[in-house]
């Protein structure tokens, strides 16, 4: 089912189809600094992931605080989750969507909404 979602999104956006990497994720390289991974652990669920920022020891606390403060009022609206990779000091955005609950006409809206949320959190 994820392949159908990817084909629909790429067709609508005019993007080339991404190939699956070693981690079974499809990698969308939209710009040099906008990379979105899409995967489906069970063929019913779509997982979108992207890096928001790399955190340095100088700005980590400030960036995490800004992101946490911004996510609270948005948590019910955009259903995205923020995560922090402590080993690599990176802040990530995740979204999980049930593919079977989507109409084909909603496929591109999911990606567009995720990209907008990514842009919002990167702007903090």
C-alpha atoms as a PDB file:
ATOM      1  CA  UNK A   1       0.000   0.000   0.000  1.00  0.00           C
ATOM      2  CA  UNK A   2       2.909   2.393   0.645  1.00  0.00           C
ATOM      3  CA  UNK A   3       3.991   1.993  -2.974  1.00  0.00           C
ATOM      4  CA  UNK A   4       0.573   3.267  -4.097  1.00  0.00           C
ATOM      5  CA  UNK A   5       0.917   6.254  -1.749  1.00  0.00           C
ATOM      6  CA  UNK A   6       4.424   7.027  -3.057  1.00  0.00           C
ATOM      7  CA  UNK A   7       3.372   6.761  -6.690  1.00  0.00           C
ATOM      8  CA  UNK A   8       0.416   9.057  -6.090  1.00  0.00           C
ATOM      9  CA  UNK A   9       2.464  11.687  -4.234  1.00  0.00           C
ATOM     10  CA  UNK A  10       5.286  11.650  -6.792  1.00  0.00           C
ATOM     11  CA  UNK A  11       2.868  11.811  -9.707  1.00  0.00           C
ATOM     12  CA  UNK A  12       0.990  14.782  -8.245  1.00  0.00           C
ATOM     13  CA  UNK A  13       4.165  16.653  -7.245  1.00  0.00           C
ATOM     14  CA  UNK A  14       6.164  15.826 -10.374  1.00  0.00           C
ATOM     15  CA  UNK A  15       8.894  14.093  -8.358  1.00  0.00           C
ATOM     16  CA  UNK A  16      10.917  11.073  -9.418  1.00  0.00           C
ATOM     17  CA  UNK A  17      10.104   7.888  -7.559  1.00  0.00           C
ATOM     18  CA  UNK A  18      12.474   7.213  -4.682  1.00  0.00           C
ATOM     19  CA  UNK A  19      13.981   3.793  -4.252  1.00  0.00           C
ATOM     20  CA  UNK A  20      13.952   1.781  -1.052  1.00  0.00           C
ATOM     21  CA  UNK A  21      17.169   1.958   0.965  1.00  0.00           C
ATOM     22  CA  UNK A  22      18.800  -0.718   3.093  1.00  0.00           C
ATOM     23  CA  UNK A  23      16.539   0.191   6.043  1.00  0.00           C
ATOM     24  CA  UNK A  24      13.380  -0.400   3.941  1.00  0.00           C
ATOM     25  CA  UNK A  25      12.699   3.329   3.822  1.00  0.00           C
ATOM     26  CA  UNK A  26      11.915   5.419   0.778  1.00  0.00           C
ATOM     27  CA  UNK A  27      14.021   8.567   0.834  1.00  0.00           C
ATOM     28  CA  UNK A  28      12.625  11.775  -0.679  1.00  0.00           C
ATOM     29  CA  UNK A  29      15.380  14.333  -1.335  1.00  0.00           C
ATOM     30  CA  UNK A  30      13.326  17.451  -1.921  1.00  0.00           C
ATOM     31  CA  UNK A  31      16.167  19.918  -1.467  1.00  0.00           C
ATOM     32  CA  UNK A  32      19.727  19.421  -0.294  1.00  0.00           C
ATOM     33  CA  UNK A  33      18.616  19.980   3.290  1.00  0.00           C
ATOM     34  CA  UNK A  34      15.091  18.530   3.140  1.00  0.00           C
ATOM     35  CA  UNK A  35      15.161  14.763   3.290  1.00  0.00           C
ATOM     36  CA  UNK A  36      12.046  12.831   4.241  1.00  0.00           C
ATOM     37  CA  UNK A  37      12.003   9.102   4.871  1.00  0.00           C
ATOM     38  CA  UNK A  38       8.793   7.153   4.339  1.00  0.00           C
ATOM     39  CA  UNK A  39       8.304   3.603   5.524  1.00  0.00           C
ATOM     40  CA  UNK A  40       5.603   1.123   6.368  1.00  0.00           C
ATOM     41  CA  UNK A  41       6.369  -1.452   9.039  1.00  0.00           C
ATOM     42  CA  UNK A  42       3.165  -3.389   8.396  1.00  0.00           C
ATOM     43  CA  UNK A  43       1.828  -2.218   4.988  1.00  0.00           C
ATOM     44  CA  UNK A  44      -1.080  -0.532   6.776  1.00  0.00           C
ATOM     45  CA  UNK A  45       0.807   2.291   8.467  1.00  0.00           C
ATOM     46  CA  UNK A  46       2.802   5.101   6.894  1.00  0.00           C
ATOM     47  CA  UNK A  47       5.675   6.550   8.920  1.00  0.00           C
ATOM     48  CA  UNK A  48       7.216   9.856   7.814  1.00  0.00           C
ATOM     49  CA  UNK A  49      10.469  11.035   9.380  1.00  0.00           C
ATOM     50  CA  UNK A  50      12.733  14.048   8.873  1.00  0.00           C
ATOM     51  CA  UNK A  51      15.513  15.799  10.705  1.00  0.00           C
ATOM     52  CA  UNK A  52      14.584  19.183  12.111  1.00  0.00           C
ATOM     53  CA  UNK A  53      18.000  20.244  13.381  1.00  0.00           C
ATOM     54  CA  UNK A  54      21.372  19.077  14.540  1.00  0.00           C
ATOM     55  CA  UNK A  55      21.916  20.253  18.077  1.00  0.00           C
ATOM     56  CA  UNK A  56      25.190  21.581  19.340  1.00  0.00           C
ATOM     57  CA  UNK A  57      26.074  21.685  22.995  1.00  0.00           C
ATOM     58  CA  UNK A  58      25.774  25.475  22.797  1.00  0.00           C
ATOM     59  CA  UNK A  59      22.192  25.654  21.525  1.00  0.00           C
ATOM     60  CA  UNK A  60      20.693  22.259  22.404  1.00  0.00           C
ATOM     61  CA  UNK A  61      18.702  23.390  25.439  1.00  0.00           C
ATOM     62  CA  UNK A  62      17.354  26.480  23.693  1.00  0.00           C
ATOM     63  CA  UNK A  63      16.270  24.579  20.541  1.00  0.00           C
ATOM     64  CA  UNK A  64      14.662  21.763  22.499  1.00  0.00           C
ATOM     65  CA  UNK A  65      12.803  24.251  24.700  1.00  0.00           C
ATOM     66  CA  UNK A  66      11.515  26.195  21.677  1.00  0.00           C
ATOM     67  CA  UNK A  67      10.399  23.007  19.926  1.00  0.00           C
ATOM     68  CA  UNK A  68       8.704  21.643  23.045  1.00  0.00           C
ATOM     69  CA  UNK A  69       6.907  24.920  23.655  1.00  0.00           C
ATOM     70  CA  UNK A  70       5.736  25.076  20.041  1.00  0.00           C
ATOM     71  CA  UNK A  71       4.544  21.481  19.884  1.00  0.00           C
ATOM     72  CA  UNK A  72       2.092  21.699  22.791  1.00  0.00           C
ATOM     73  CA  UNK A  73      -0.572  23.850  21.100  1.00  0.00           C
ATOM     74  CA  UNK A  74      -0.123  21.952  17.809  1.00  0.00           C
ATOM     75  CA  UNK A  75      -0.188  18.397  19.110  1.00  0.00           C
ATOM     76  CA  UNK A  76      -3.861  17.773  18.322  1.00  0.00           C
ATOM     77  CA  UNK A  77      -3.777  19.631  15.016  1.00  0.00           C
ATOM     78  CA  UNK A  78      -0.859  18.093  13.177  1.00  0.00           C
ATOM     79  CA  UNK A  79      -0.423  14.730  14.937  1.00  0.00           C
ATOM     80  CA  UNK A  80       3.327  14.915  14.529  1.00  0.00           C
ATOM     81  CA  UNK A  81       5.787  13.801  17.148  1.00  0.00           C
ATOM     82  CA  UNK A  82       9.111  15.363  17.986  1.00  0.00           C
ATOM     83  CA  UNK A  83      11.961  13.100  18.943  1.00  0.00           C
ATOM     84  CA  UNK A  84      15.536  13.623  19.995  1.00  0.00           C
ATOM     85  CA  UNK A  85      18.342  11.309  18.978  1.00  0.00           C
ATOM     86  CA  UNK A  86      20.642  11.664  21.956  1.00  0.00           C
ATOM     87  CA  UNK A  87      23.515   9.741  20.356  1.00  0.00           C
ATOM     88  CA  UNK A  88      23.694  11.973  17.278  1.00  0.00           C
ATOM     89  CA  UNK A  89      22.254  15.101  18.923  1.00  0.00           C
ATOM     90  CA  UNK A  90      19.497  15.547  16.348  1.00  0.00           C
ATOM     91  CA  UNK A  91      15.907  16.667  16.658  1.00  0.00           C
ATOM     92  CA  UNK A  92      13.466  14.735  14.419  1.00  0.00           C
ATOM     93  CA  UNK A  93       9.878  15.064  13.280  1.00  0.00           C
ATOM     94  CA  UNK A  94       7.745  11.909  12.945  1.00  0.00           C
ATOM     95  CA  UNK A  95       4.225  11.304  11.762  1.00  0.00           C
ATOM     96  CA  UNK A  96       2.342   8.025  11.711  1.00  0.00           C
ATOM     97  CA  UNK A  97      -0.697   7.714   9.436  1.00  0.00           C
ATOM     98  CA  UNK A  98      -3.030   4.765   8.884  1.00  0.00           C
ATOM     99  CA  UNK A  99      -2.948   4.253   5.116  1.00  0.00           C
ATOM    100  CA  UNK A 100      -6.249   2.377   4.985  1.00  0.00           C
ATOM    101  CA  UNK A 101      -8.034   5.353   6.554  1.00  0.00           C
ATOM    102  CA  UNK A 102      -6.913   7.693   3.753  1.00  0.00           C
ATOM    103  CA  UNK A 103      -8.742   8.382   0.542  1.00  0.00           C
ATOM    104  CA  UNK A 104      -6.501   8.571  -2.508  1.00  0.00           C
ATOM    105  CA  UNK A 105      -7.295  12.274  -2.731  1.00  0.00           C
ATOM    106  CA  UNK A 106      -5.742  12.755   0.730  1.00  0.00           C
ATOM    107  CA  UNK A 107      -2.382  11.152  -0.138  1.00  0.00           C
ATOM    108  CA  UNK A 108      -0.671  14.360  -1.239  1.00  0.00           C
ATOM    109  CA  UNK A 109      -2.203  16.309   1.660  1.00  0.00           C
ATOM    110  CA  UNK A 110      -0.358  14.076   4.118  1.00  0.00           C
ATOM    111  CA  UNK A 111       3.022  14.864   2.555  1.00  0.00           C
ATOM    112  CA  UNK A 112       2.218  18.556   2.132  1.00  0.00           C
ATOM    113  CA  UNK A 113       1.165  18.847   5.760  1.00  0.00           C
ATOM    114  CA  UNK A 114       4.307  17.057   6.920  1.00  0.00           C
ATOM    115  CA  UNK A 115       6.523  19.374   4.853  1.00  0.00           C
ATOM    116  CA  UNK A 116       4.720  22.417   6.280  1.00  0.00           C
ATOM    117  CA  UNK A 117       5.183  21.130   9.827  1.00  0.00           C
ATOM    118  CA  UNK A 118       8.853  20.470   9.118  1.00  0.00           C
ATOM    119  CA  UNK A 119       9.284  24.026   7.842  1.00  0.00           C
ATOM    120  CA  UNK A 120       7.535  25.374  10.942  1.00  0.00           C
ATOM    121  CA  UNK A 121       9.785  23.524  13.387  1.00  0.00           C
ATOM    122  CA  UNK A 122      12.914  24.389  11.420  1.00  0.00           C
ATOM    123  CA  UNK A 123      12.006  28.067  11.589  1.00  0.00           C
ATOM    124  CA  UNK A 124      12.118  28.118  15.399  1.00  0.00           C
END
